[in-house]
PDB file of N, CA and C in Angstrom:
ATOM      1  N   MET A   1      31.753  16.412  -7.899  1.00  0.00           N
ATOM      2  CA  MET A   1      32.655  15.163  -8.737  1.00  0.00           C
ATOM      3  C   MET A   1      31.801  13.532  -7.744  1.00  0.00           C
ATOM      4  N   PHE A   2      31.292  14.465  -6.764  1.00  0.00           N
ATOM      5  CA  PHE A   2      30.441  13.050  -5.966  1.00  0.00           C
ATOM      6  C   PHE A   2      29.709  12.634  -6.932  1.00  0.00           C
ATOM      7  N   GLY A   3      28.682  13.686  -7.791  1.00  0.00           N
ATOM      8  CA  GLY A   3      27.576  13.250  -8.314  1.00  0.00           C
ATOM      9  C   GLY A   3      27.797  12.606  -9.151  1.00  0.00           C
ATOM     10  N   LEU A   4      28.633  11.947 -10.076  1.00  0.00           N
ATOM     11  CA  LEU A   4      29.214  11.306 -10.676  1.00  0.00           C
ATOM     12  C   LEU A   4      28.630  10.282 -10.948  1.00  0.00           C
ATOM     13  N   PHE A   5      28.600   9.666  -9.534  1.00  0.00           N
ATOM     14  CA  PHE A   5      28.490   8.193  -9.019  1.00  0.00           C
ATOM     15  C   PHE A   5      27.100   7.664  -8.676  1.00  0.00           C
ATOM     16  N   LYS A   6      26.281   8.980  -8.561  1.00  0.00           N
ATOM     17  CA  LYS A   6      24.093   8.854  -8.193  1.00  0.00           C
ATOM     18  C   LYS A   6      24.053   8.668  -9.302  1.00  0.00           C
ATOM     19  N   SER A   7      22.839   7.344  -8.725  1.00  0.00           N
ATOM     20  CA  SER A   7      21.708   7.503  -9.376  1.00  0.00           C
ATOM     21  C   SER A   7      20.761   8.078 -10.208  1.00  0.00           C
ATOM     22  N   ASN A   8      20.426   8.335 -11.542  1.00  0.00           N
ATOM     23  CA  ASN A   8      19.499   9.594 -12.010  1.00  0.00           C
ATOM     24  C   ASN A   8      18.305   8.859 -12.001  1.00  0.00           C
ATOM     25  N   PRO A   9      17.108   9.372 -11.623  1.00  0.00           N
ATOM     26  CA  PRO A   9      15.558   8.997 -11.561  1.00  0.00           C
ATOM     27  C   PRO A   9      14.990   8.906 -12.168  1.00  0.00           C
ATOM     28  N   VAL A  10      14.979  10.218 -12.934  1.00  0.00           N
ATOM     29  CA  VAL A  10      14.837  10.462 -14.679  1.00  0.00           C
ATOM     30  C   VAL A  10      15.079   9.631 -15.125  1.00  0.00           C
ATOM     31  N   LYS A  11      16.331   9.037 -15.217  1.00  0.00           N
ATOM     32  CA  LYS A  11      17.152   8.922 -16.283  1.00  0.00           C
ATOM     33  C   LYS A  11      16.499   6.974 -16.294  1.00  0.00           C
ATOM     34  N   ALA A  12      16.460   6.454 -15.130  1.00  0.00           N
ATOM     35  CA  ALA A  12      15.879   5.364 -14.925  1.00  0.00           C
ATOM     36  C   ALA A  12      14.318   5.113 -15.336  1.00  0.00           C
ATOM     37  N   LEU A  13      13.695   6.068 -15.180  1.00  0.00           N
ATOM     38  CA  LEU A  13      12.648   5.999 -15.877  1.00  0.00           C
ATOM     39  C   LEU A  13      12.248   6.053 -16.809  1.00  0.00           C
ATOM     40  N   LYS A  14      13.132   7.230 -17.397  1.00  0.00           N
ATOM     41  CA  LYS A  14      12.888   7.517 -19.216  1.00  0.00           C
ATOM     42  C   LYS A  14      13.188   5.812 -20.333  1.00  0.00           C
ATOM     43  N   LYS A  15      14.115   5.258 -18.910  1.00  0.00           N
ATOM     44  CA  LYS A  15      14.263   3.867 -19.928  1.00  0.00           C
ATOM     45  C   LYS A  15      13.675   2.364 -19.789  1.00  0.00           C
ATOM     46  N   GLU A  16      12.635   2.773 -18.853  1.00  0.00           N
ATOM     47  CA  GLU A  16      11.927   2.068 -18.082  1.00  0.00           C
ATOM     48  C   GLU A  16      10.407   1.837 -19.040  1.00  0.00           C
ATOM     49  N   TYR A  17       9.859   3.545 -19.721  1.00  0.00           N
ATOM     50  CA  TYR A  17       9.271   4.128 -20.082  1.00  0.00           C
ATOM     51  C   TYR A  17       9.584   3.745 -21.697  1.00  0.00           C
ATOM     52  N   GLU A  18      10.267   3.652 -22.054  1.00  0.00           N
ATOM     53  CA  GLU A  18      11.075   3.110 -23.189  1.00  0.00           C
ATOM     54  C   GLU A  18      10.625   1.440 -23.239  1.00  0.00           C
ATOM     55  N   ARG A  19      11.208   0.512 -22.700  1.00  0.00           N
ATOM     56  CA  ARG A  19      10.897  -0.175 -22.569  1.00  0.00           C
ATOM     57  C   ARG A  19       9.435  -0.733 -22.883  1.00  0.00           C
ATOM     58  N   LYS A  20       8.925  -0.221 -22.163  1.00  0.00           N
ATOM     59  CA  LYS A  20       6.816  -0.302 -21.808  1.00  0.00           C
ATOM     60  C   LYS A  20       6.595  -0.288 -23.366  1.00  0.00           C
ATOM     61  N   LEU A  21       7.036   1.079 -24.246  1.00  0.00           N
ATOM     62  CA  LEU A  21       6.435   0.997 -25.211  1.00  0.00           C
ATOM     63  C   LEU A  21       7.070   0.559 -26.357  1.00  0.00           C
ATOM     64  N   GLU A  22       8.218  -0.282 -26.468  1.00  0.00           N
ATOM     65  CA  GLU A  22       8.519  -1.266 -27.493  1.00  0.00           C
ATOM     66  C   GLU A  22       8.257  -2.766 -27.190  1.00  0.00           C
ATOM     67  N   ALA A  23       7.466  -2.642 -25.640  1.00  0.00           N
ATOM     68  CA  ALA A  23       7.061  -4.430 -26.073  1.00  0.00           C
ATOM     69  C   ALA A  23       5.718  -3.815 -26.164  1.00  0.00           C
ATOM     70  N   ALA A  24       4.903  -3.217 -25.963  1.00  0.00           N
ATOM     71  CA  ALA A  24       3.895  -3.102 -26.788  1.00  0.00           C
ATOM     72  C   ALA A  24       3.393  -2.694 -28.059  1.00  0.00           C
ATOM     73  N   MET A  25       4.515  -1.923 -29.265  1.00  0.00           N
ATOM     74  CA  MET A  25       4.762  -1.894 -29.770  1.00  0.00           C
ATOM     75  C   MET A  25       4.977  -3.402 -30.751  1.00  0.00           C
ATOM     76  N   LYS A  26       5.621  -4.170 -29.992  1.00  0.00           N
ATOM     77  CA  LYS A  26       6.069  -6.197 -30.260  1.00  0.00           C
ATOM     78  C   LYS A  26       4.477  -6.909 -29.769  1.00  0.00           C
ATOM     79  N   ALA A  27       3.792  -6.107 -29.014  1.00  0.00           N
ATOM     80  CA  ALA A  27       2.165  -6.928 -28.833  1.00  0.00           C
ATOM     81  C   ALA A  27       1.623  -6.750 -29.446  1.00  0.00           C
ATOM     82  N   GLN A  28       1.303  -5.095 -29.962  1.00  0.00           N
ATOM     83  CA  GLN A  28       0.553  -4.793 -31.134  1.00  0.00           C
ATOM     84  C   GLN A  28       0.909  -5.560 -32.842  1.00  0.00           C
ATOM     85  N   ARG A  29       2.258  -5.581 -32.550  1.00  0.00           N
ATOM     86  CA  ARG A  29       2.541  -6.763 -34.289  1.00  0.00           C
ATOM     87  C   ARG A  29       2.398  -7.577 -34.380  1.00  0.00           C
ATOM     88  N   ASN A  30       2.225  -8.245 -33.351  1.00  0.00           N
ATOM     89  CA  ASN A  30       1.832  -9.715 -32.755  1.00  0.00           C
ATOM     90  C   ASN A  30      -0.124 -10.280 -32.709  1.00  0.00           C
ATOM     91  N   GLY A  31      -0.194  -9.311 -32.625  1.00  0.00           N
ATOM     92  CA  GLY A  31      -1.713  -9.256 -32.848  1.00  0.00           C
ATOM     93  C   GLY A  31      -2.323  -9.078 -31.538  1.00  0.00           C
ATOM     94  N   ASP A  32      -1.990  -8.834 -30.396  1.00  0.00           N
ATOM     95  CA  ASP A  32      -2.001  -9.331 -28.877  1.00  0.00           C
ATOM     96  C   ASP A  32      -2.729  -8.101 -28.375  1.00  0.00           C
ATOM     97  N   MET A  33      -3.715  -7.339 -28.993  1.00  0.00           N
ATOM     98  CA  MET A  33      -4.298  -6.428 -28.327  1.00  0.00           C
ATOM     99  C   MET A  33      -4.120  -5.940 -26.931  1.00  0.00           C
ATOM    100  N   ARG A  34      -5.065  -6.609 -26.091  1.00  0.00           N
ATOM    101  CA  ARG A  34      -5.096  -6.887 -24.750  1.00  0.00           C
ATOM    102  C   ARG A  34      -3.800  -6.242 -23.997  1.00  0.00           C
ATOM    103  N   THR A  35      -2.745  -7.494 -24.359  1.00  0.00           N
ATOM    104  CA  THR A  35      -1.636  -6.602 -23.971  1.00  0.00           C
ATOM    105  C   THR A  35      -0.633  -5.417 -24.332  1.00  0.00           C
ATOM    106  N   HIS A  36      -0.953  -4.904 -25.145  1.00  0.00           N
ATOM    107  CA  HIS A  36      -0.732  -4.310 -25.405  1.00  0.00           C
ATOM    108  C   HIS A  36      -1.906  -2.827 -25.368  1.00  0.00           C
ATOM    109  N   SER A  37      -2.788  -3.007 -24.925  1.00  0.00           N
ATOM    110  CA  SER A  37      -3.434  -1.299 -24.216  1.00  0.00           C
ATOM    111  C   SER A  37      -2.987  -1.574 -22.679  1.00  0.00           C
ATOM    112  N   ASP A  38      -2.712  -2.897 -22.163  1.00  0.00           N
ATOM    113  CA  ASP A  38      -1.773  -3.059 -20.561  1.00  0.00           C
ATOM    114  C   ASP A  38      -0.807  -2.396 -20.633  1.00  0.00           C
ATOM    115  N   LEU A  39       0.193  -2.543 -21.517  1.00  0.00           N
ATOM    116  CA  LEU A  39       1.494  -1.924 -21.778  1.00  0.00           C
ATOM    117  C   LEU A  39       1.069  -0.636 -21.947  1.00  0.00           C
ATOM    118  N   MET A  40       0.383  -0.025 -22.611  1.00  0.00           N
ATOM    119  CA  MET A  40       0.471   1.179 -22.783  1.00  0.00           C
ATOM    120  C   MET A  40      -0.072   2.222 -21.465  1.00  0.00           C
ATOM    121  N   THR A  41      -0.656   1.432 -20.854  1.00  0.00           N
ATOM    122  CA  THR A  41      -2.014   2.145 -20.089  1.00  0.00           C
ATOM    123  C   THR A  41      -0.282   2.270 -18.629  1.00  0.00           C
ATOM    124  N   GLU A  42       0.162   1.199 -18.669  1.00  0.00           N
ATOM    125  CA  GLU A  42       1.607   1.964 -17.467  1.00  0.00           C
ATOM    126  C   GLU A  42       2.969   2.384 -17.754  1.00  0.00           C
ATOM    127  N   ALA A  43       2.990   2.382 -19.520  1.00  0.00           N
ATOM    128  CA  ALA A  43       4.008   3.443 -20.178  1.00  0.00           C
ATOM    129  C   ALA A  43       3.174   4.447 -19.934  1.00  0.00           C
ATOM    130  N   ASP A  44       1.909   4.905 -19.837  1.00  0.00           N
ATOM    131  CA  ASP A  44       1.126   6.554 -19.594  1.00  0.00           C
ATOM    132  C   ASP A  44       1.252   6.588 -17.860  1.00  0.00           C
ATOM    133  N   GLU A  45       1.487   5.217 -16.910  1.00  0.00           N
ATOM    134  CA  GLU A  45       1.631   6.167 -15.374  1.00  0.00           C
ATOM    135  C   GLU A  45       3.030   6.459 -15.722  1.00  0.00           C
ATOM    136  N   LEU A  46       3.620   5.548 -16.550  1.00  0.00           N
ATOM    137  CA  LEU A  46       5.286   5.922 -16.200  1.00  0.00           C
ATOM    138  C   LEU A  46       5.976   7.621 -16.863  1.00  0.00           C
ATOM    139  N   TYR A  47       5.116   7.719 -17.500  1.00  0.00           N
ATOM    140  CA  TYR A  47       5.486   9.494 -18.288  1.00  0.00           C
ATOM    141  C   TYR A  47       4.844   9.950 -17.946  1.00  0.00           C
ATOM    142  N   LYS A  48       3.476   9.782 -16.705  1.00  0.00           N
ATOM    143  CA  LYS A  48       3.144  10.899 -16.010  1.00  0.00           C
ATOM    144  C   LYS A  48       4.003  10.718 -15.017  1.00  0.00           C
ATOM    145  N   ARG A  49       4.894   9.643 -14.046  1.00  0.00           N
ATOM    146  CA  ARG A  49       6.066  10.437 -12.990  1.00  0.00           C
ATOM    147  C   ARG A  49       6.823  10.886 -13.400  1.00  0.00           C
ATOM    148  N   LEU A  50       7.467  10.623 -15.235  1.00  0.00           N
ATOM    149  CA  LEU A  50       8.672  11.114 -15.343  1.00  0.00           C
ATOM    150  C   LEU A  50       8.251  12.777 -15.851  1.00  0.00           C
ATOM    151  N   LEU A  51       7.197  12.779 -15.945  1.00  0.00           N
ATOM    152  CA  LEU A  51       7.325  14.705 -16.069  1.00  0.00           C
ATOM    153  C   LEU A  51       7.082  15.193 -14.667  1.00  0.00           C
ATOM    154  N   GLN A  52       7.022  14.270 -13.881  1.00  0.00           N
ATOM    155  CA  GLN A  52       6.830  14.974 -12.402  1.00  0.00           C
ATOM    156  C   GLN A  52       7.820  15.217 -11.551  1.00  0.00           C
ATOM    157  N   GLN A  53       8.842  13.705 -12.273  1.00  0.00           N
ATOM    158  CA  GLN A  53       9.798  13.869 -11.326  1.00  0.00           C
ATOM    159  C   GLN A  53      11.179  15.036 -12.345  1.00  0.00           C
ATOM    160  N   GLN A  54      10.571  15.171 -13.513  1.00  0.00           N
ATOM    161  CA  GLN A  54      11.747  16.732 -14.230  1.00  0.00           C
ATOM    162  C   GLN A  54      11.284  17.919 -13.889  1.00  0.00           C
ATOM    163  N   GLN A  55       9.593  17.786 -13.229  1.00  0.00           N
ATOM    164  CA  GLN A  55       9.427  18.826 -12.982  1.00  0.00           C
ATOM    165  C   GLN A  55      10.624  19.696 -11.717  1.00  0.00           C
ATOM    166  N   GLU A  56      10.612  18.504 -10.468  1.00  0.00           N
ATOM    167  CA  GLU A  56      11.259  18.755  -9.257  1.00  0.00           C
ATOM    168  C   GLU A  56      12.511  19.096  -9.069  1.00  0.00           C
TER     169      GLU A  56
END
């Protein structure tokens, strides 16, 4: 019952990961490949953290 109000770190990481991917896609469509590369690197790091959190 009390778990209802606890924040879920996996859900937060997944949401941030999806935000980074969307921002990277927009940068790529605008032709800004450097920003796209930076955002994809950050998204990859978030994905690794997400997998680590899910295993715990």
